[in-house]
Amino acid sequence: MHDRKGCVMIRVMRPFFIFLPFMFPALAMAGPVLSPAEIVAQAPEGAWRSVASDRLLVMRLGNGARVVIELAPEFSPVHVANVVRLARAHAWDDGAIIRVQDNYVVQWRVKDEAAPLPSGFVSNPPAEYERPLSGLDYRPFGYPDPYAPKVGIAAGWPVGSDGTKIWPAQCFGTVGVGRDMPPDTGDGRELYVVNGEAPRQLDRNLAVVGRVLVGMESLGALQRGAGALGFYADAHQNVAIRSVTLAADLPQAVRPKIQVMRTDSPAFEAYLAARAARHDRFFVRPAQGVALCNAPIPSRETR
């Protein structure tokens, strides 16, 4: 991608498991075949994990929309720490969404890039684009992938792998850090979220700091920018950001309660099998396969 000066920048879901009746007898009982959505809806409480409030960012837009982001310190700890420091310093309050490129990304920035940085902020973080495979539970996907020798799920996130290292995939809803040409120029003050077909060519080229769990429909409905690469040609078109707050810093009563499906649960394995080989009412010929980003890990907000 290129900015208005020609610089390359953005700045500005899963393993397959064969479903066998003896593995999940409750799901193999006589009756209608369940769709992936029905499997998710009927998943037991044990199939879900709660996301800790210190891993959630709550972004409120000037138009009233609310977006909740789960952070990914497993993959980019320095960048995530920068993002948390910026949120606690209210750096994005009164900031703006400045770019909405159709079928690519929505991008936002802090209010004032020249403002003093919070204590502990790392101005030139390392290029946290991949990490060692060891130390994380990795489960292979089981299907070929055009962007990585192997793909699967690690710590509940869709990843690519070369057998020794892993990296988070740039799927729909992925939140990453914008940067200029040098790999160490993205510090977290400009972020983007993928709003369309997974741009997997960005894998291992930008730091991933999280994923949107609530509010992608609001970001996806924003007016597209008419300028180059989807930037708003007129700053008056920018979408105002009212605030970005770490959920742990909110009063207990208003903290979001988000659950993500456990990727080691039988319900998740059944969901993946159904995504790959759909036999529910509409499908005549099951695909017998699914792309990594086409099996998003289910999440839900509870009350």
Protein backbone atom coordinates (compact mmCIF):
# COMPACT_ATOMS: atom_id res chain seq x y z
CA MET A 1 0.00 0.00 0.00
CA HIS A 2 1.13 3.57 -0.52
CA ASP A 3 0.37 6.78 1.31
CA ARG A 4 -0.23 10.08 -0.35
CA LYS A 5 3.54 10.54 -0.69
CA GLY A 6 4.08 7.09 -2.17
CA CYS A 7 5.40 5.36 0.94
CA VAL A 8 4.38 1.75 1.49
CA MET A 9 2.17 1.60 4.55
CA ILE A 10 -1.11 0.79 6.12
CA ARG A 11 -0.37 3.66 8.34
CA VAL A 12 -1.70 6.75 7.57
CA MET A 13 -10.92 -18.95 11.65
CA ARG A 14 -8.65 -22.95 12.18
CA PRO A 15 -7.76 -26.50 12.39
CA PHE A 16 -9.83 -29.16 10.68
CA PHE A 17 -10.93 -32.19 12.63
CA ILE A 18 -12.79 -35.11 11.10
CA PHE A 19 -16.17 -35.43 12.72
CA LEU A 20 -16.82 -39.00 13.80
CA PRO A 21 -20.02 -40.06 15.57
CA PHE A 22 -18.18 -41.91 18.34
CA MET A 23 -16.24 -38.71 19.17
CA PHE A 24 -19.32 -36.57 19.78
CA PRO A 25 -22.28 -38.91 20.34
CA ALA A 26 -24.58 -36.11 21.48
CA LEU A 27 -24.10 -34.37 18.14
CA ALA A 28 -24.52 -37.60 16.16
CA MET A 29 -27.96 -38.53 17.44
CA ALA A 30 -30.74 -39.01 14.95
CA GLY A 31 -32.34 -35.76 13.88
CA PRO A 32 -31.68 -32.81 11.61
CA VAL A 33 -28.08 -32.05 10.71
CA LEU A 34 -26.97 -28.88 12.46
CA SER A 35 -25.52 -25.89 10.66
CA PRO A 36 -22.41 -24.17 12.05
CA ALA A 37 -24.59 -21.42 13.51
CA GLU A 38 -26.83 -23.97 15.20
CA ILE A 39 -23.81 -25.78 16.66
CA VAL A 40 -22.56 -22.50 18.11
CA ALA A 41 -25.99 -21.60 19.49
CA GLN A 42 -26.29 -24.98 21.22
CA ALA A 43 -22.71 -25.13 22.53
CA PRO A 44 -22.59 -25.80 26.29
CA GLU A 45 -21.15 -23.30 28.77
CA GLY A 46 -17.98 -25.35 29.02
CA ALA A 47 -17.24 -24.61 25.36
CA TRP A 48 -16.69 -20.92 26.09
CA ARG A 49 -13.96 -18.89 27.79
CA SER A 50 -14.37 -15.38 29.17
CA VAL A 51 -12.00 -12.69 27.93
CA ALA A 52 -10.28 -10.84 30.78
CA SER A 53 -11.11 -7.14 31.01
CA ASP A 54 -7.43 -6.18 30.80
CA ARG A 55 -7.37 -7.71 27.30
CA LEU A 56 -10.32 -5.71 25.97
CA LEU A 57 -10.41 -2.24 24.45
CA VAL A 58 -13.72 -0.41 24.17
CA MET A 59 -13.88 2.17 21.38
CA ARG A 60 -16.83 4.54 21.15
CA LEU A 61 -17.36 6.54 17.99
CA GLY A 62 -18.92 9.96 17.69
CA ASN A 63 -21.87 8.41 15.83
CA GLY A 64 -22.70 6.28 18.89
CA ALA A 65 -21.23 3.02 17.65
CA ARG A 66 -19.38 0.78 20.09
CA VAL A 67 -16.47 -1.49 19.14
CA VAL A 68 -14.80 -4.04 21.44
CA ILE A 69 -11.32 -5.35 20.59
CA GLU A 70 -9.56 -8.34 22.13
CA LEU A 71 -5.81 -7.78 22.44
CA ALA A 72 -3.17 -10.35 21.45
CA PRO A 73 -0.07 -9.94 23.66
CA GLU A 74 1.00 -13.51 22.78
CA PHE A 75 2.03 -12.30 19.34
CA SER A 76 3.10 -8.66 19.73
CA PRO A 77 3.73 -7.89 23.41
CA VAL A 78 5.62 -4.62 22.86
CA HIS A 79 3.02 -3.22 20.45
CA VAL A 80 0.14 -4.32 22.69
CA ALA A 81 1.80 -2.65 25.69
CA ASN A 82 2.08 0.55 23.63
CA VAL A 83 -1.61 0.33 22.71
CA VAL A 84 -2.61 -0.12 26.36
CA ARG A 85 -0.46 2.86 27.40
CA LEU A 86 -2.05 5.00 24.70
CA ALA A 87 -5.55 3.99 25.81
CA ARG A 88 -4.75 4.80 29.43
CA ALA A 89 -3.32 8.16 28.35
CA HIS A 90 -6.59 8.86 26.41
CA ALA A 91 -4.50 9.42 23.27
CA TRP A 92 -7.31 8.26 20.95
CA ASP A 93 -10.01 10.32 22.66
CA ASP A 94 -11.15 12.86 20.05
CA GLY A 95 -9.04 11.04 17.47
CA ALA A 96 -10.51 9.94 14.15
CA ILE A 97 -11.05 7.22 11.60
CA ILE A 98 -9.27 8.65 8.58
CA ARG A 99 -9.48 5.85 6.05
CA VAL A 100 -12.12 3.37 4.94
CA GLN A 101 -10.95 1.41 1.92
CA ASP A 102 -13.58 -0.91 0.50
CA ASN A 103 -12.83 -4.60 1.04
CA TYR A 104 -9.51 -3.85 2.73
CA VAL A 105 -9.11 -1.81 5.94
CA VAL A 106 -10.58 0.81 8.25
CA GLN A 107 -7.83 2.92 9.80
CA TRP A 108 -7.73 5.33 12.76
CA ARG A 109 -5.20 7.47 14.58
CA VAL A 110 -4.60 9.30 17.84
CA LYS A 111 -5.78 12.87 18.25
CA ASP A 112 -2.30 14.43 18.14
CA GLU A 113 0.71 12.50 16.85
CA ALA A 114 3.00 15.26 18.13
CA ALA A 115 1.73 14.99 21.70
CA PRO A 116 4.09 13.72 24.42
CA LEU A 117 4.14 9.94 24.64
CA PRO A 118 3.11 8.13 27.82
CA SER A 119 5.74 6.78 30.20
CA GLY A 120 7.17 3.45 29.07
CA PHE A 121 6.05 3.89 25.46
CA VAL A 122 8.43 2.26 22.95
CA SER A 123 8.85 4.60 19.98
CA ASN A 124 10.61 2.07 17.73
CA PRO A 125 9.29 -1.35 18.70
CA PRO A 126 10.73 -4.48 17.10
CA ALA A 127 9.05 -5.96 14.05
CA GLU A 128 6.79 -8.38 15.96
CA TYR A 129 5.51 -10.14 12.88
CA GLU A 130 6.19 -13.73 13.94
CA ARG A 131 7.20 -15.65 17.04
CA PRO A 132 8.56 -19.11 17.96
CA LEU A 133 6.08 -21.94 17.72
CA SER A 134 7.19 -23.30 21.10
CA GLY A 135 5.29 -22.07 24.11
CA LEU A 136 1.85 -21.99 22.50
CA ASP A 137 -0.64 -24.79 21.94
CA TYR A 138 -0.71 -25.17 18.16
CA ARG A 139 -3.29 -27.32 16.39
CA PRO A 140 -2.95 -27.83 12.62
CA PHE A 141 -5.80 -26.94 10.31
CA GLY A 142 -5.45 -29.86 7.93
CA TYR A 143 -5.94 -28.06 4.61
CA PRO A 144 -3.42 -26.53 2.18
CA ASP A 145 -2.97 -22.77 2.32
CA PRO A 146 -1.56 -20.46 -0.38
CA TYR A 147 0.14 -18.13 2.12
CA ALA A 148 1.88 -20.45 4.57
CA PRO A 149 3.43 -23.94 4.57
CA LYS A 150 1.05 -24.80 7.41
CA VAL A 151 -1.91 -23.14 9.10
CA GLY A 152 -3.77 -23.79 12.32
CA ILE A 153 -4.83 -22.29 15.62
CA ALA A 154 -2.51 -21.16 18.41
CA ALA A 155 -3.79 -19.76 21.71
CA GLY A 156 -7.21 -19.41 20.11
CA TRP A 157 -6.01 -17.35 17.12
CA PRO A 158 -5.74 -18.33 13.42
CA VAL A 159 -2.07 -18.56 12.47
CA GLY A 160 0.33 -19.52 9.74
CA SER A 161 3.46 -21.56 10.47
CA ASP A 162 6.67 -22.79 8.86
CA GLY A 163 7.11 -25.51 11.47
CA THR A 164 9.32 -23.48 13.80
CA LYS A 165 7.62 -20.08 13.86
CA ILE A 166 4.01 -18.90 13.80
CA TRP A 167 2.33 -15.66 12.88
CA PRO A 168 -1.26 -14.40 13.21
CA ALA A 169 -3.29 -14.35 10.00
CA GLN A 170 -4.79 -11.15 8.62
CA CYS A 171 -8.40 -12.32 8.71
CA PHE A 172 -11.60 -10.26 8.71
CA GLY A 173 -11.71 -8.30 11.97
CA THR A 174 -7.95 -8.49 12.59
CA VAL A 175 -6.52 -5.33 14.16
CA GLY A 176 -2.98 -4.37 13.16
CA VAL A 177 -0.48 -1.54 13.47
CA GLY A 178 0.05 0.88 10.59
CA ARG A 179 3.63 1.73 9.64
CA ASP A 180 5.86 3.48 7.08
CA MET A 181 8.53 1.70 5.01
CA PRO A 182 10.92 0.66 7.82
CA PRO A 183 9.55 -2.26 9.87
CA ASP A 184 10.17 -0.49 13.19
CA THR A 185 8.08 2.62 12.38
CA GLY A 186 4.69 1.31 13.47
CA ASP A 187 4.34 2.12 17.16
CA GLY A 188 0.59 1.73 17.72
CA ARG A 189 -0.63 5.30 17.29
CA GLU A 190 -2.29 4.32 14.02
CA LEU A 191 -4.27 1.10 13.89
CA TYR A 192 -6.34 -0.62 11.23
CA VAL A 193 -8.91 -3.40 11.08
CA VAL A 194 -9.44 -5.71 8.11
CA ASN A 195 -12.94 -5.08 6.74
CA GLY A 196 -13.13 -7.47 3.82
CA GLU A 197 -11.53 -10.43 2.06
CA ALA A 198 -8.58 -11.53 4.17
CA PRO A 199 -5.45 -9.72 2.84
CA ARG A 200 -3.16 -12.59 3.77
CA GLN A 201 -0.31 -11.04 1.77
CA LEU A 202 0.08 -8.79 4.83
CA ASP A 203 0.94 -11.77 7.05
CA ARG A 204 4.40 -11.30 8.61
CA ASN A 205 4.55 -7.74 7.28
CA LEU A 206 2.59 -5.90 9.98
CA ALA A 207 2.18 -6.37 13.70
CA VAL A 208 -1.17 -7.82 14.77
CA VAL A 209 -2.41 -6.51 18.12
CA GLY A 210 -5.93 -7.93 18.31
CA ARG A 211 -9.29 -8.61 16.70
CA VAL A 212 -12.70 -6.99 16.81
CA LEU A 213 -15.24 -9.08 18.74
CA VAL A 214 -18.10 -6.57 18.83
CA GLY A 215 -19.00 -3.81 16.39
CA MET A 216 -17.58 -4.90 13.02
CA GLU A 217 -20.98 -4.22 11.49
CA SER A 218 -20.63 -0.55 12.49
CA LEU A 219 -17.12 -0.25 11.05
CA GLY A 220 -18.18 -2.05 7.89
CA ALA A 221 -21.05 0.39 7.34
CA LEU A 222 -18.85 3.51 7.36
CA GLN A 223 -18.73 5.64 4.22
CA ARG A 224 -15.84 4.67 1.98
CA GLY A 225 -13.12 7.26 1.48
CA ALA A 226 -12.96 8.84 -1.97
CA GLY A 227 -9.25 9.65 -1.78
CA ALA A 228 -6.34 7.43 -2.72
CA LEU A 229 -6.36 4.09 -0.85
CA GLY A 230 -9.67 4.99 0.78
CA PHE A 231 -8.48 8.01 2.75
CA TYR A 232 -11.08 10.66 3.35
CA ALA A 233 -10.24 13.46 0.93
CA ASP A 234 -11.73 16.06 3.28
CA ALA A 235 -10.84 15.94 6.97
CA HIS A 236 -14.43 16.93 7.75
CA GLN A 237 -15.40 13.44 6.58
CA ASN A 238 -13.28 11.78 9.26
CA VAL A 239 -15.31 9.69 11.71
CA ALA A 240 -14.82 11.02 15.23
CA ILE A 241 -13.60 8.73 17.99
CA ARG A 242 -15.12 9.69 21.32
CA SER A 243 -12.92 7.43 23.42
CA VAL A 244 -10.81 4.27 23.53
CA THR A 245 -10.64 2.72 26.99
CA LEU A 246 -9.17 -0.44 28.46
CA ALA A 247 -12.16 -2.37 29.81
CA ALA A 248 -10.35 -2.96 33.12
CA ASP A 249 -10.41 0.82 33.70
CA LEU A 250 -14.18 1.04 33.32
CA PRO A 251 -16.61 0.68 36.23
CA GLN A 252 -17.46 -2.97 36.83
CA ALA A 253 -21.10 -2.43 35.87
CA VAL A 254 -20.29 -1.25 32.34
CA ARG A 255 -17.39 -3.53 31.47
CA PRO A 256 -18.18 -5.68 28.43
CA LYS A 257 -18.58 -9.37 29.13
CA ILE A 258 -17.26 -11.25 26.12
CA GLN A 259 -16.81 -14.96 25.61
CA VAL A 260 -14.86 -16.71 22.86
CA MET A 261 -15.40 -20.34 21.98
CA ARG A 262 -12.69 -22.64 23.33
CA THR A 263 -10.79 -24.05 20.39
CA ASP A 264 -10.07 -27.27 22.30
CA SER A 265 -13.76 -28.02 22.86
CA PRO A 266 -15.81 -30.73 21.09
CA ALA A 267 -18.32 -28.05 20.07
CA PHE A 268 -15.61 -26.10 18.26
CA GLU A 269 -14.37 -29.21 16.49
CA ALA A 270 -17.92 -29.98 15.38
CA TYR A 271 -18.31 -26.36 14.22
CA LEU A 272 -15.14 -26.64 12.12
CA ALA A 273 -16.20 -29.93 10.61
CA ALA A 274 -19.56 -28.40 9.70
CA ARG A 275 -17.87 -25.37 8.10
CA ALA A 276 -15.78 -27.69 5.94
CA ALA A 277 -18.46 -30.22 4.99
CA ARG A 278 -21.88 -28.67 5.30
CA HIS A 279 -24.71 -31.16 5.12
CA ASP A 280 -27.47 -28.94 6.52
CA ARG A 281 -30.59 -28.13 4.57
CA PHE A 282 -29.35 -25.64 1.96
CA PHE A 283 -26.20 -27.43 0.75
CA VAL A 284 -26.31 -29.88 -2.13
CA ARG A 285 -22.56 -30.50 -2.51
CA PRO A 286 -20.38 -29.88 0.55
CA ALA A 287 -17.09 -28.16 -0.24
CA GLN A 288 -15.06 -30.67 1.83
CA GLY A 289 -12.68 -27.88 2.75
CA VAL A 290 -12.46 -24.43 4.29
CA ALA A 291 -9.95 -21.59 4.24
CA LEU A 292 -8.28 -20.49 7.46
CA CYS A 293 -10.09 -17.15 7.62
CA ASN A 294 -13.42 -18.63 6.52
CA ALA A 295 -13.98 -20.40 9.82
CA PRO A 296 -14.03 -17.45 12.24
CA ILE A 297 -13.72 -18.38 15.91
CA PRO A 298 -17.16 -17.73 17.44
CA SER A 299 -17.59 -15.12 20.15
CA ARG A 300 -20.56 -13.71 22.02
CA GLU A 301 -21.37 -10.90 24.41
CA THR A 302 -23.14 -11.93 27.59
CA ARG A 303 -25.10 -9.83 30.05
